[in-house]
């Protein structure tokens, strides 16, 4: 499995976008966790998790997101899930990825706006 077909990282000024594809399950998390840890800038505070192309999420994927959330909070930032739908959205809501811990944004544009609205123009 090609790691590039599972996720990509796009750093920006106010946030880091992590776009996931396909299934985020035990087999993919095992492969991507070390690569993600190497590629994600350590100073990343605000994280946007793009879920538009995710079709399935299991507890291993939730564990990966907990790790990312810890990094965001350690850097005094915030994490937002964007465009989660179907089964992945249900899993995120069920495990408590809502409310004060993270933001859920219906679209990627909403997630971008969450982090750039406070920047002085």
Protein backbone atom coordinates (compact mmCIF):
# COMPACT_ATOMS: atom_id res chain seq x y z
CA UNK A 1 0.00 0.00 0.00
CA UNK A 2 1.32 3.41 -0.99
CA UNK A 3 1.36 5.81 1.98
CA UNK A 4 0.59 8.70 -0.39
CA UNK A 5 -2.78 7.08 -1.11
CA UNK A 6 -3.70 7.18 2.60
CA UNK A 7 -2.83 10.70 3.74
CA UNK A 8 -1.10 13.93 2.81
CA UNK A 9 0.08 16.86 4.91
CA UNK A 10 -0.20 20.47 3.77
CA UNK A 11 1.30 23.02 6.19
CA UNK A 12 -0.10 26.56 6.00
CA UNK A 13 0.49 29.72 8.01
CA UNK A 14 -2.36 29.29 10.50
CA UNK A 15 -2.88 25.52 10.48
CA UNK A 16 -1.65 22.20 9.15
CA UNK A 17 -4.06 20.28 6.95
CA UNK A 18 -3.94 16.49 7.13
CA UNK A 19 -6.04 14.90 4.41
CA UNK A 20 -6.95 11.22 4.81
CA UNK A 21 -8.25 8.82 2.14
CA UNK A 22 -10.09 5.50 2.29
CA UNK A 23 -10.12 3.39 5.43
CA UNK A 24 -8.42 4.48 8.66
CA UNK A 25 -8.15 1.12 10.38
CA UNK A 26 -5.63 -1.14 12.10
CA UNK A 27 -3.67 -1.99 8.98
CA UNK A 28 -3.42 1.55 7.64
CA UNK A 29 -2.68 3.16 11.02
CA UNK A 30 0.16 0.71 11.60
CA UNK A 31 1.71 1.79 8.30
CA UNK A 32 1.11 5.51 8.48
CA UNK A 33 1.74 6.36 12.15
CA UNK A 34 5.57 6.43 11.90
CA UNK A 35 5.48 8.28 8.58
CA UNK A 36 2.95 10.79 9.87
CA UNK A 37 5.04 11.41 12.99
CA UNK A 38 8.10 12.09 10.83
CA UNK A 39 6.34 14.32 8.31
CA UNK A 40 4.11 16.37 10.60
CA UNK A 41 5.95 19.50 11.73
CA UNK A 42 6.49 19.18 15.49
CA UNK A 43 5.40 22.76 16.11
CA UNK A 44 2.00 22.19 14.44
CA UNK A 45 -0.60 23.68 16.75
CA UNK A 46 -3.80 24.00 14.75
CA UNK A 47 -4.70 20.86 12.85
CA UNK A 48 -7.44 20.38 10.29
CA UNK A 49 -8.30 16.74 9.67
CA UNK A 50 -9.93 16.49 6.24
CA UNK A 51 -12.31 13.51 6.34
CA UNK A 52 -14.07 14.05 2.99
CA UNK A 53 -12.56 10.94 1.42
CA UNK A 54 -12.67 8.65 4.48
CA UNK A 55 -15.08 5.75 4.15
CA UNK A 56 -14.35 3.86 7.37
CA UNK A 57 -12.86 4.64 10.77
CA UNK A 58 -12.12 2.12 13.55
CA UNK A 59 -10.67 2.38 17.06
CA UNK A 60 -7.10 2.41 15.72
CA UNK A 61 -7.94 5.49 13.69
CA UNK A 62 -9.49 7.07 16.77
CA UNK A 63 -6.24 6.36 18.63
CA UNK A 64 -4.29 8.09 15.86
CA UNK A 65 -6.56 11.12 16.16
CA UNK A 66 -6.06 11.17 19.95
CA UNK A 67 -2.30 11.37 19.33
CA UNK A 68 -2.80 14.27 16.93
CA UNK A 69 -5.11 16.01 19.42
CA UNK A 70 -2.46 15.68 22.15
CA UNK A 71 0.10 17.28 19.84
CA UNK A 72 -2.24 20.17 19.04
CA UNK A 73 -2.98 20.78 22.73
CA UNK A 74 0.69 20.45 23.67
CA UNK A 75 1.38 23.26 21.17
CA UNK A 76 -1.52 25.31 22.58
CA UNK A 77 -3.57 24.76 19.46
CA UNK A 78 -6.82 23.19 18.41
CA UNK A 79 -7.98 20.40 16.12
CA UNK A 80 -10.90 20.45 13.71
CA UNK A 81 -12.46 17.62 11.75
CA UNK A 82 -13.75 18.73 8.37
CA UNK A 83 -16.43 17.12 6.22
CA UNK A 84 -16.74 13.81 8.08
CA UNK A 85 -19.81 11.90 6.97
CA UNK A 86 -21.42 8.50 7.35
CA UNK A 87 -19.74 5.89 9.53
CA UNK A 88 -16.60 7.99 10.30
CA UNK A 89 -18.77 10.88 11.50
CA UNK A 90 -20.81 8.55 13.70
CA UNK A 91 -17.65 7.10 15.26
CA UNK A 92 -16.21 10.56 16.00
CA UNK A 93 -19.45 11.65 17.66
CA UNK A 94 -19.76 8.37 19.60
CA UNK A 95 -16.28 8.58 21.14
CA UNK A 96 -16.70 12.21 22.15
CA UNK A 97 -14.74 14.02 19.47
CA UNK A 98 -17.00 17.03 19.75
CA UNK A 99 -17.66 19.93 22.04
CA UNK A 100 -14.66 21.54 23.69
CA UNK A 101 -12.01 19.03 22.65
CA UNK A 102 -12.25 19.56 18.92
CA UNK A 103 -14.39 21.35 16.38
CA UNK A 104 -16.49 19.65 13.77
CA UNK A 105 -16.85 21.63 10.57
CA UNK A 106 -19.29 20.55 7.87
CA UNK A 107 -16.95 21.75 5.11
CA UNK A 108 -13.25 22.28 4.63
CA UNK A 109 -13.92 25.99 4.04
CA UNK A 110 -15.53 26.23 7.48
CA UNK A 111 -12.44 24.65 9.04
CA UNK A 112 -10.12 27.08 7.25
CA UNK A 113 -12.25 30.00 8.50
CA UNK A 114 -12.01 28.71 12.06
CA UNK A 115 -8.26 29.29 12.13
CA UNK A 116 -7.73 32.31 9.89
CA UNK A 117 -10.50 34.52 11.33
CA UNK A 118 -8.31 35.77 14.18
CA UNK A 119 -5.40 36.82 12.00
CA UNK A 120 -4.85 40.58 11.69
CA UNK A 121 -5.21 41.80 8.11
